[in-house]
Amino acid sequence: MTAAPTLHDVAREAGVSVATASRALNGSSRNVRAENVSRVREAAARLGYQPHLSAQAIAKGSTRTVAMVVRDVADPYFSSIAAGVAQAAEAMGLIVTMAVAGASPERELEIVRTLRGQRPRVIIVAGSRIDDAGTRDALIEELRQYRTAGGRVVLISQRDLPFGTVTIDNHGGSAALARALLGAGYRRFAVLHAPPSLRTSRDRHEGFLAGLEGTGSVLAIETGFTRAGGYEAARRLVAEGPADVEAVFAVNDVMAIGAMTAFRDAGLIPGRDIAVAGFDDIASTVDVVPALTSVAVPLREAGLSAMRLAMSDDGDAETCLPVTVVLRESTPPRN
């Protein structure tokens, strides 16, 4: 079997030093004459030489990739953000990769440690911060070392870590939704929420209560931050008797859609027998029947903003994205 050609073979074929051949092939034109670049690349093509991408990354300081760390790749919330990141990355000639941390801070830390060795140009960590996770200090240290080596770091989350962050007005959006539902005539509510250690859920839950300003009654039901969690919480609500509840606020849309399915399975018609609202305004909110009231988050813009912040000279800044209440058929006005 013939051995694969090496960088030394390319340099010898082109009649240049190994250092010159390396610079010509890794995209650096520093101290390399144009004619030598051409000779090296032609020699590499003749020999069938394939450069070692990891070695190139070390030589150049980073690869031309943007690494996203997300909670759930199947969640439309994260896929919409990723679309914005990909749009901006493409314009910059970069490629987006994605890793899924689930709801595990330990897995998130493990992924970031691995990414440091792969030397992406940018690391974007998207998803709610989790209080008392036990990994915060270690994660900060990993990201600081990565940034010291030339990488860029941005979070799409709460302003919790000392890096550039794109935040969403979760508290204000939920308060505005509560006021809108009060204006539509609702007074007795149930809130489907995740454990309070999940910052996004807690901010939205607290914002909703603040918007009510003590008006009406609220039943809180803790569940998973998923469609299945919303279904299970609504099933429990039905089993315990929902007669006093006029409207359900689920702290994200996939939970709300799960709740609507549970209500239908129990013989209740969402939007007629019980109102339902969510948060995020993912694309499927207008596909379900009835269309789901939600708080619209500019998710694609979150991805675009994260990339702009990452490549800016003010990498530790915060960009806060506004949100808008969108009332639809799932919360009709009460007579």
Protein backbone atom coordinates (compact mmCIF):
# COMPACT_ATOMS: atom_id res chain seq x y z
CA MET A 1 0.00 0.00 0.00
CA THR A 2 1.39 3.40 -1.00
CA ALA A 3 1.87 5.79 1.92
CA ALA A 4 -0.17 8.99 1.85
CA PRO A 5 1.82 12.01 0.75
CA THR A 6 3.05 14.29 3.52
CA LEU A 7 3.64 18.01 3.78
CA HIS A 8 7.35 17.30 3.35
CA ASP A 9 6.57 15.60 0.02
CA VAL A 10 4.60 18.63 -1.15
CA ALA A 11 7.39 21.02 -0.13
CA ARG A 12 9.99 18.92 -1.97
CA GLU A 13 7.76 18.69 -5.08
CA ALA A 14 7.22 22.45 -5.10
CA GLY A 15 10.84 23.28 -4.32
CA VAL A 16 10.04 25.28 -1.17
CA SER A 17 10.56 24.93 2.57
CA VAL A 18 8.11 23.00 4.72
CA ALA A 19 7.17 26.25 6.51
CA THR A 20 6.35 27.93 3.19
CA ALA A 21 4.28 24.95 2.07
CA SER A 22 2.39 24.98 5.37
CA ARG A 23 1.56 28.70 5.13
CA ALA A 24 0.47 28.36 1.51
CA LEU A 25 -1.90 25.48 2.28
CA ASN A 26 -3.44 26.80 5.52
CA GLY A 27 -4.68 29.96 3.83
CA SER A 28 -2.04 32.35 5.13
CA SER A 29 -0.31 34.45 2.52
CA ARG A 30 2.05 36.01 5.08
CA ASN A 31 5.63 36.03 3.69
CA VAL A 32 4.65 33.72 0.82
CA ARG A 33 5.06 34.97 -2.74
CA ALA A 34 2.09 34.42 -5.02
CA GLU A 35 4.08 32.20 -7.37
CA ASN A 36 5.10 29.97 -4.46
CA VAL A 37 1.49 29.67 -3.31
CA SER A 38 0.54 28.49 -6.79
CA ARG A 39 3.43 26.01 -6.97
CA VAL A 40 2.60 24.53 -3.58
CA ARG A 41 -1.09 24.12 -4.34
CA GLU A 42 -0.34 22.59 -7.74
CA ALA A 43 2.13 20.17 -6.12
CA ALA A 44 -0.45 19.21 -3.49
CA ALA A 45 -3.01 18.54 -6.22
CA ARG A 46 -0.59 16.39 -8.22
CA LEU A 47 0.36 14.31 -5.17
CA GLY A 48 -3.19 14.06 -3.84
CA TYR A 49 -2.16 15.62 -0.53
CA GLN A 50 -4.95 16.21 2.02
CA PRO A 51 -4.09 18.76 4.72
CA HIS A 52 -4.64 17.81 8.37
CA LEU A 53 -7.52 20.02 9.50
CA SER A 54 -6.70 19.80 13.21
CA ALA A 55 -3.12 20.83 12.54
CA GLN A 56 -4.36 23.74 10.45
CA ALA A 57 -6.60 24.83 13.29
CA ILE A 58 -3.63 24.90 15.65
CA ALA A 59 -1.54 26.85 13.17
CA LYS A 60 -4.27 29.39 12.41
CA GLY A 61 -5.66 29.66 15.94
CA SER A 62 -9.18 28.52 15.02
CA THR A 63 -11.26 26.75 12.42
CA ARG A 64 -13.88 28.47 10.28
CA THR A 65 -16.72 27.11 12.38
CA VAL A 66 -19.35 28.43 14.77
CA ALA A 67 -20.23 25.91 17.48
CA MET A 68 -23.71 26.12 19.01
CA VAL A 69 -24.56 24.40 22.29
CA VAL A 70 -28.34 24.03 22.66
CA ARG A 71 -30.77 22.35 25.01
CA ASP A 72 -32.81 20.45 22.38
CA VAL A 73 -32.21 20.40 18.64
CA ALA A 74 -35.80 19.25 18.02
CA ASP A 75 -37.33 22.23 19.83
CA PRO A 76 -38.49 24.87 17.29
CA TYR A 77 -37.22 27.55 19.68
CA PHE A 78 -33.63 26.46 19.15
CA SER A 79 -33.98 25.61 15.47
CA SER A 80 -35.27 29.14 14.80
CA ILE A 81 -32.33 30.65 16.66
CA ALA A 82 -29.97 28.35 14.75
CA ALA A 83 -31.44 29.61 11.46
CA GLY A 84 -30.38 33.15 12.39
CA VAL A 85 -26.91 32.00 13.42
CA ALA A 86 -26.52 30.07 10.15
CA GLN A 87 -27.64 33.07 8.09
CA ALA A 88 -25.05 35.33 9.68
CA ALA A 89 -22.34 32.66 9.62
CA GLU A 90 -22.84 32.02 5.91
CA ALA A 91 -22.39 35.71 5.17
CA MET A 92 -19.09 35.54 7.07
CA GLY A 93 -17.89 32.39 5.32
CA LEU A 94 -18.28 30.27 8.45
CA ILE A 95 -19.93 26.88 9.02
CA VAL A 96 -22.26 26.13 11.94
CA THR A 97 -22.02 22.95 14.02
CA MET A 98 -24.39 22.02 16.83
CA ALA A 99 -24.16 20.01 20.05
CA VAL A 100 -27.07 19.10 22.33
CA ALA A 101 -26.65 19.46 26.08
CA GLY A 102 -30.20 18.51 27.03
CA ALA A 103 -31.10 19.80 30.47
CA SER A 104 -27.71 18.77 31.90
CA PRO A 105 -25.23 21.45 33.05
CA GLU A 106 -22.64 18.68 33.34
CA ARG A 107 -23.12 17.76 29.69
CA GLU A 108 -22.92 21.43 28.71
CA LEU A 109 -19.56 21.73 30.49
CA GLU A 110 -18.28 18.54 28.85
CA ILE A 111 -19.24 19.84 25.41
CA VAL A 112 -17.49 23.17 25.95
CA ARG A 113 -14.33 21.38 27.09
CA THR A 114 -14.38 19.28 23.92
CA LEU A 115 -15.03 22.31 21.73
CA ARG A 116 -11.99 24.10 23.12
CA GLY A 117 -9.81 21.39 21.58
CA GLN A 118 -11.59 21.73 18.23
CA ARG A 119 -10.92 25.50 18.14
CA PRO A 120 -14.12 26.91 16.61
CA ARG A 121 -14.09 30.62 15.79
CA VAL A 122 -17.19 31.22 17.96
CA ILE A 123 -19.00 29.29 20.70
CA ILE A 124 -22.67 30.20 21.23
CA VAL A 125 -24.37 28.70 24.28
CA ALA A 126 -28.17 28.93 23.95
CA GLY A 127 -30.73 27.98 26.55
CA SER A 128 -31.89 28.81 30.03
CA ARG A 129 -29.33 29.02 32.80
CA ILE A 130 -29.96 26.65 35.69
CA ASP A 131 -29.45 27.90 39.23
CA ASP A 132 -27.19 26.03 41.63
CA ALA A 133 -25.96 23.74 38.86
CA GLY A 134 -22.55 23.26 40.47
CA THR A 135 -20.74 23.73 37.15
CA ARG A 136 -20.91 27.52 36.78
CA ASP A 137 -17.36 28.32 37.90
CA ALA A 138 -15.85 25.52 35.83
CA LEU A 139 -17.82 26.63 32.76
CA ILE A 140 -16.66 30.22 33.18
CA GLU A 141 -13.03 29.06 33.41
CA GLU A 142 -13.31 26.89 30.29
CA LEU A 143 -14.87 29.74 28.30
CA ARG A 144 -12.31 32.24 29.58
CA GLN A 145 -9.43 30.02 28.52
CA TYR A 146 -11.05 29.51 25.13
CA ARG A 147 -11.45 33.27 24.72
CA THR A 148 -7.87 33.92 25.85
CA ALA A 149 -6.76 31.65 22.99
CA GLY A 150 -8.62 33.89 20.53
CA GLY A 151 -12.14 32.47 20.50
CA ARG A 152 -15.38 34.43 20.76
CA VAL A 153 -18.11 33.58 23.30
CA VAL A 154 -21.78 34.61 23.32
CA LEU A 155 -24.75 33.34 25.31
CA ILE A 156 -28.41 33.49 24.29
CA SER A 157 -29.87 33.28 27.74
CA GLN A 158 -30.06 35.18 31.01
CA ARG A 159 -27.22 37.57 31.87
CA ASP A 160 -25.56 35.10 34.23
CA LEU A 161 -22.02 34.49 32.92
CA PRO A 162 -19.42 37.26 32.32
CA PHE A 163 -19.58 37.09 28.54
CA GLY A 164 -21.57 38.76 25.79
CA THR A 165 -25.22 37.83 26.09
CA VAL A 166 -28.37 38.14 24.00
CA THR A 167 -31.26 38.28 26.46
CA ILE A 168 -35.02 38.04 26.01
CA ASP A 169 -37.51 40.04 28.06
CA ASN A 170 -39.13 36.98 29.62
CA HIS A 171 -40.46 38.80 32.69
CA GLY A 172 -41.84 41.78 30.80
CA GLY A 173 -43.40 39.64 28.08
CA SER A 174 -45.27 37.46 30.56
CA ALA A 175 -46.47 40.51 32.50
CA ALA A 176 -47.80 42.03 29.28
CA LEU A 177 -49.57 38.75 28.47
CA ALA A 178 -51.20 38.69 31.92
CA ARG A 179 -52.47 42.24 31.44
CA ALA A 180 -53.83 41.35 27.99
CA LEU A 181 -55.71 38.34 29.37
CA LEU A 182 -57.14 40.45 32.17
CA GLY A 183 -58.26 42.90 29.52
CA ALA A 184 -59.98 40.05 27.68
CA GLY A 185 -62.01 39.27 30.79
CA TYR A 186 -60.09 36.35 32.34
CA ARG A 187 -59.69 36.18 36.11
CA ARG A 188 -58.95 32.56 37.09
CA PHE A 189 -55.68 31.17 35.79
CA ALA A 190 -53.43 28.12 35.89
CA VAL A 191 -49.70 28.47 35.15
CA LEU A 192 -47.81 25.43 33.86
CA HIS A 193 -44.16 25.93 34.72
CA ALA A 194 -40.87 24.06 35.06
CA PRO A 195 -38.90 23.78 38.34
CA PRO A 196 -37.89 27.27 39.58
CA SER A 197 -34.18 26.48 39.15
CA LEU A 198 -34.76 26.86 35.39
CA ARG A 199 -34.35 30.60 35.01
CA THR A 200 -36.44 31.06 31.86
CA SER A 201 -39.43 29.35 33.41
CA ARG A 202 -39.06 31.22 36.70
CA ASP A 203 -38.76 34.62 35.00
CA ARG A 204 -41.88 33.97 32.91
CA HIS A 205 -43.86 32.63 35.86
CA GLU A 206 -42.91 35.58 38.06
CA GLY A 207 -43.59 38.04 35.25
CA PHE A 208 -47.09 36.65 34.75
CA LEU A 209 -47.87 36.99 38.46
CA ALA A 210 -46.52 40.54 38.45
CA GLY A 211 -48.72 41.44 35.49
CA LEU A 212 -51.83 40.23 37.30
CA GLU A 213 -51.09 42.62 40.19
CA GLY A 214 -53.06 40.46 42.58
CA THR A 215 -56.14 40.33 40.35
CA GLY A 216 -57.93 36.98 40.16
CA SER A 217 -56.61 33.61 41.26
CA VAL A 218 -53.67 31.50 40.09
CA LEU A 219 -53.07 27.75 40.33
CA ALA A 220 -49.42 26.82 39.71
CA ILE A 221 -48.57 23.36 38.32
CA GLU A 222 -44.92 22.31 38.08
CA THR A 223 -43.98 20.01 35.20
CA GLY A 224 -41.36 19.42 32.50
CA PHE A 225 -40.28 22.23 30.15
CA THR A 226 -41.46 20.14 27.16
CA ARG A 227 -44.54 19.23 25.15
CA ALA A 228 -44.88 16.06 27.22
CA GLY A 229 -44.63 18.15 30.37
CA GLY A 230 -47.47 20.40 29.21
CA TYR A 231 -49.61 17.39 28.35
CA GLU A 232 -49.01 15.78 31.73
CA ALA A 233 -49.75 18.98 33.67
CA ALA A 234 -52.99 19.58 31.77
CA ARG A 235 -54.01 15.96 32.35
CA ARG A 236 -53.48 16.50 36.08
CA LEU A 237 -55.50 19.71 35.95
CA VAL A 238 -58.41 17.92 34.31
CA ALA A 239 -58.24 15.03 36.77
CA GLU A 240 -58.37 17.42 39.72
CA GLY A 241 -61.23 19.41 38.19
CA PRO A 242 -60.58 22.51 36.05
CA ALA A 243 -63.98 24.12 36.71
CA ASP A 244 -62.48 27.22 38.35
CA VAL A 245 -59.76 27.74 35.72
CA GLU A 246 -60.66 29.99 32.79
CA ALA A 247 -57.23 30.30 31.15
CA VAL A 248 -53.97 28.33 31.20
CA PHE A 249 -50.59 29.98 30.66
CA ALA A 250 -47.82 27.55 29.77
CA VAL A 251 -44.37 29.11 30.01
CA ASN A 252 -43.42 27.98 26.49
CA ASP A 253 -45.37 27.14 23.34
CA VAL A 254 -44.50 23.44 23.16
CA MET A 255 -45.90 23.01 26.68
CA ALA A 256 -49.03 24.93 25.64
CA ILE A 257 -49.51 22.74 22.57
CA GLY A 258 -49.13 19.63 24.72
CA ALA A 259 -51.73 21.03 27.12
CA MET A 260 -54.17 21.68 24.27
CA THR A 261 -53.85 18.05 23.18
CA ALA A 262 -54.54 16.84 26.73
CA PHE A 263 -57.63 19.01 26.98
CA ARG A 264 -58.97 17.68 23.67
CA ASP A 265 -58.28 14.12 24.81
CA ALA A 266 -60.38 14.86 27.90
CA GLY A 267 -63.28 16.17 25.83
CA LEU A 268 -62.58 19.88 26.36
CA ILE A 269 -62.29 22.26 23.42
CA PRO A 270 -59.41 24.74 23.79
CA GLY A 271 -60.56 28.28 23.11
CA ARG A 272 -64.14 27.44 24.05
CA ASP A 273 -64.12 25.43 27.28
CA ILE A 274 -60.72 26.65 28.45
CA ALA A 275 -58.33 29.29 27.10
CA VAL A 276 -54.64 28.50 26.51
CA ALA A 277 -51.62 30.77 25.98
CA GLY A 278 -47.91 30.14 25.53
CA PHE A 279 -44.62 31.98 25.06
CA ASP A 280 -42.09 32.16 22.16
CA ASP A 281 -44.51 32.26 19.17
CA ILE A 282 -42.88 29.36 17.35
CA ALA A 283 -44.11 28.72 13.81
CA SER A 284 -46.59 25.99 14.80
CA THR A 285 -48.65 28.38 16.96
CA VAL A 286 -50.62 29.33 13.85
CA ASP A 287 -50.95 25.72 12.66
CA VAL A 288 -52.71 24.32 15.73
CA VAL A 289 -56.49 24.66 16.15
CA PRO A 290 -57.35 27.06 17.58
CA ALA A 291 -54.35 29.25 16.78
CA LEU A 292 -52.34 29.78 19.96
CA THR A 293 -52.02 33.08 21.80
CA SER A 294 -48.36 33.65 22.57
CA VAL A 295 -45.60 36.12 23.32
CA ALA A 296 -43.60 36.61 20.14
CA VAL A 297 -39.83 36.38 20.52
CA PRO A 298 -37.68 37.39 17.50
CA LEU A 299 -35.86 34.04 17.52
CA ARG A 300 -34.06 34.37 14.18
CA GLU A 301 -32.96 37.85 15.22
CA ALA A 302 -31.57 36.33 18.44
CA GLY A 303 -29.24 34.20 16.31
CA LEU A 304 -28.27 37.12 14.09
CA SER A 305 -27.66 39.33 17.13
CA ALA A 306 -25.49 36.65 18.74
CA MET A 307 -23.24 36.52 15.69
CA ARG A 308 -23.01 40.30 15.44
CA LEU A 309 -22.09 40.49 19.11
CA ALA A 310 -19.54 37.69 18.77
CA MET A 311 -17.70 39.43 15.95
CA SER A 312 -17.89 42.91 17.48
CA ASP A 313 -15.24 44.69 19.54
CA ASP A 314 -17.63 44.82 22.50
CA GLY A 315 -17.83 41.11 23.15
CA ASP A 316 -19.04 41.44 26.77
CA ALA A 317 -22.05 43.60 25.94
CA GLU A 318 -25.69 42.67 26.45
CA THR A 319 -28.33 42.87 23.74
CA CYS A 320 -31.92 42.66 25.02
CA LEU A 321 -34.57 41.65 22.50
CA PRO A 322 -38.11 43.03 22.93
CA VAL A 323 -41.15 40.75 22.81
CA THR A 324 -44.76 41.27 21.71
CA VAL A 325 -48.06 39.75 22.86
CA VAL A 326 -50.02 38.14 20.03
CA LEU A 327 -53.65 37.34 20.90
CA ARG A 328 -55.26 34.57 18.84
CA GLU A 329 -58.31 32.30 18.89
CA SER A 330 -57.13 30.17 21.83
CA THR A 331 -57.95 33.09 24.19
CA PRO A 332 -61.17 34.67 22.87
CA PRO A 333 -62.61 37.63 24.79
CA ARG A 334 -65.00 36.63 27.59
CA ASN A 335 -68.44 38.19 27.49
